[in-house]
Amino acid sequence: MPAADAATMFLIVRLIDAINDPIVGTFIDKHTTRFGKYRGYLLYMGIPLAIMAILCFHVPNFSQMGKLIYAYVTYVGLSVIYTTV
């Protein structure tokens, strides 16, 4: 992946993260799981976080545009799940 594409991806994902963080934080503050305020999110989101981390670093045999789209999807997914943990 060219450096310009990677830099643009990091910028866009951080902008999405800046919007997503307050939304997820507000949701978590207003809800309590049966394990407590935050422990449930740590327990339930640990496995999806591990799966997304593996997928984020696994590079399938796609075209250059396919790899870029795959990188966006997996990195945004990783960022969103990481926010909940």
C-alpha atoms as a PDB file:
ATOM      1  CA  MET A   1       0.000   0.000   0.000  1.00  0.00           C
ATOM      2  CA  PRO A   2       1.433   3.378  -0.934  1.00  0.00           C
ATOM      3  CA  ALA A   3       2.332   5.706   1.930  1.00  0.00           C
ATOM      4  CA  ALA A   4      -0.143   8.374   0.799  1.00  0.00           C
ATOM      5  CA  ASP A   5      -3.014   5.867   0.916  1.00  0.00           C
ATOM      6  CA  ALA A   6      -1.983   4.685   4.371  1.00  0.00           C
ATOM      7  CA  ALA A   7      -1.684   8.239   5.686  1.00  0.00           C
ATOM      8  CA  THR A   8      -5.110   9.134   4.308  1.00  0.00           C
ATOM      9  CA  MET A   9      -6.570   5.999   5.879  1.00  0.00           C
ATOM     10  CA  PHE A  10      -5.090   6.863   9.290  1.00  0.00           C
ATOM     11  CA  LEU A  11      -6.514  10.395   9.060  1.00  0.00           C
ATOM     12  CA  ILE A  12      -9.997   9.245   8.071  1.00  0.00           C
ATOM     13  CA  VAL A  13     -10.108   6.528  10.724  1.00  0.00           C
ATOM     14  CA  ARG A  14      -9.052   9.003  13.421  1.00  0.00           C
ATOM     15  CA  LEU A  15     -11.797  11.393  12.310  1.00  0.00           C
ATOM     16  CA  ILE A  16     -14.330   8.555  12.517  1.00  0.00           C
ATOM     17  CA  ASP A  17     -12.891   7.664  15.912  1.00  0.00           C
ATOM     18  CA  ALA A  18     -13.301  11.258  17.121  1.00  0.00           C
ATOM     19  CA  ILE A  19     -17.023  10.997  16.378  1.00  0.00           C
ATOM     20  CA  ASN A  20     -17.387   7.424  17.615  1.00  0.00           C
ATOM     21  CA  ASP A  21     -15.637   7.806  21.004  1.00  0.00           C
ATOM     22  CA  PRO A  22     -18.150  10.184  22.649  1.00  0.00           C
ATOM     23  CA  ILE A  23     -21.091   8.166  21.304  1.00  0.00           C
ATOM     24  CA  VAL A  24     -19.768   4.864  22.663  1.00  0.00           C
ATOM     25  CA  GLY A  25     -18.691   6.521  25.925  1.00  0.00           C
ATOM     26  CA  THR A  26     -22.160   7.958  26.463  1.00  0.00           C
ATOM     27  CA  PHE A  27     -23.778   4.614  25.675  1.00  0.00           C
ATOM     28  CA  ILE A  28     -21.523   2.745  28.102  1.00  0.00           C
ATOM     29  CA  ASP A  29     -22.059   5.338  30.854  1.00  0.00           C
ATOM     30  CA  LYS A  30     -25.845   5.015  30.572  1.00  0.00           C
ATOM     31  CA  HIS A  31     -25.969   1.197  30.563  1.00  0.00           C
ATOM     32  CA  THR A  32     -24.904  -1.358  33.120  1.00  0.00           C
ATOM     33  CA  THR A  33     -24.309  -5.024  32.324  1.00  0.00           C
ATOM     34  CA  ARG A  34     -25.001  -7.810  34.774  1.00  0.00           C
ATOM     35  CA  PHE A  35     -21.239  -7.940  35.458  1.00  0.00           C
ATOM     36  CA  GLY A  36     -21.020  -4.260  36.367  1.00  0.00           C
ATOM     37  CA  LYS A  37     -20.563  -0.963  34.613  1.00  0.00           C
ATOM     38  CA  TYR A  38     -17.559  -1.767  32.408  1.00  0.00           C
ATOM     39  CA  ARG A  39     -16.582  -5.362  33.073  1.00  0.00           C
ATOM     40  CA  GLY A  40     -19.232  -6.769  30.741  1.00  0.00           C
ATOM     41  CA  TYR A  41     -17.841  -4.794  27.813  1.00  0.00           C
ATOM     42  CA  LEU A  42     -14.344  -6.036  28.597  1.00  0.00           C
ATOM     43  CA  LEU A  43     -15.568  -9.632  28.723  1.00  0.00           C
ATOM     44  CA  TYR A  44     -17.826  -9.531  25.668  1.00  0.00           C
ATOM     45  CA  MET A  45     -15.706  -7.412  23.354  1.00  0.00           C
ATOM     46  CA  GLY A  46     -12.340  -9.080  23.983  1.00  0.00           C
ATOM     47  CA  ILE A  47     -12.918 -11.870  21.474  1.00  0.00           C
ATOM     48  CA  PRO A  48     -14.182  -9.605  18.651  1.00  0.00           C
ATOM     49  CA  LEU A  49     -11.188  -7.327  19.324  1.00  0.00           C
ATOM     50  CA  ALA A  50      -8.781 -10.256  18.948  1.00  0.00           C
ATOM     51  CA  ILE A  51     -10.500 -11.390  15.742  1.00  0.00           C
ATOM     52  CA  MET A  52     -10.391  -7.885  14.253  1.00  0.00           C
ATOM     53  CA  ALA A  53      -6.729  -7.511  15.216  1.00  0.00           C
ATOM     54  CA  ILE A  54      -5.901 -10.732  13.396  1.00  0.00           C
ATOM     55  CA  LEU A  55      -7.949  -9.685  10.354  1.00  0.00           C
ATOM     56  CA  CYS A  56      -6.330  -6.250  10.358  1.00  0.00           C
ATOM     57  CA  PHE A  57      -2.867  -7.754   9.883  1.00  0.00           C
ATOM     58  CA  HIS A  58      -3.919 -10.589   7.580  1.00  0.00           C
ATOM     59  CA  VAL A  59      -3.490  -9.483   3.966  1.00  0.00           C
ATOM     60  CA  PRO A  60      -5.707 -11.382   1.519  1.00  0.00           C
ATOM     61  CA  ASN A  61      -4.804 -11.742  -2.141  1.00  0.00           C
ATOM     62  CA  PHE A  62      -6.934  -8.883  -3.519  1.00  0.00           C
ATOM     63  CA  SER A  63      -6.193  -6.233  -6.098  1.00  0.00           C
ATOM     64  CA  GLN A  64      -4.620  -2.977  -4.909  1.00  0.00           C
ATOM     65  CA  MET A  65      -8.047  -1.325  -4.561  1.00  0.00           C
ATOM     66  CA  GLY A  66      -9.420  -4.414  -2.806  1.00  0.00           C
ATOM     67  CA  LYS A  67      -6.552  -4.344  -0.331  1.00  0.00           C
ATOM     68  CA  LEU A  68      -7.172  -0.659   0.354  1.00  0.00           C
ATOM     69  CA  ILE A  69     -10.891  -1.241   0.973  1.00  0.00           C
ATOM     70  CA  TYR A  70     -10.069  -4.254   3.167  1.00  0.00           C
ATOM     71  CA  ALA A  71      -7.595  -2.137   5.158  1.00  0.00           C
ATOM     72  CA  TYR A  72     -10.209   0.591   5.686  1.00  0.00           C
ATOM     73  CA  VAL A  73     -12.897  -1.852   6.796  1.00  0.00           C
ATOM     74  CA  THR A  74     -10.700  -3.814   9.179  1.00  0.00           C
ATOM     75  CA  TYR A  75      -8.996  -0.753  10.670  1.00  0.00           C
ATOM     76  CA  VAL A  76     -12.285   1.077  11.240  1.00  0.00           C
ATOM     77  CA  GLY A  77     -13.719  -2.098  12.777  1.00  0.00           C
ATOM     78  CA  LEU A  78     -10.684  -2.502  15.013  1.00  0.00           C
ATOM     79  CA  SER A  79     -10.902   1.120  16.113  1.00  0.00           C
ATOM     80  CA  VAL A  80     -14.621   0.898  16.916  1.00  0.00           C
ATOM     81  CA  ILE A  81     -14.252  -2.326  18.895  1.00  0.00           C
ATOM     82  CA  TYR A  82     -11.172  -0.997  20.679  1.00  0.00           C
ATOM     83  CA  THR A  83     -13.227   1.990  21.794  1.00  0.00           C
ATOM     84  CA  THR A  84     -15.652  -0.296  23.608  1.00  0.00           C
ATOM     85  CA  VAL A  85     -12.843  -2.125  25.371  1.00  0.00           C
END
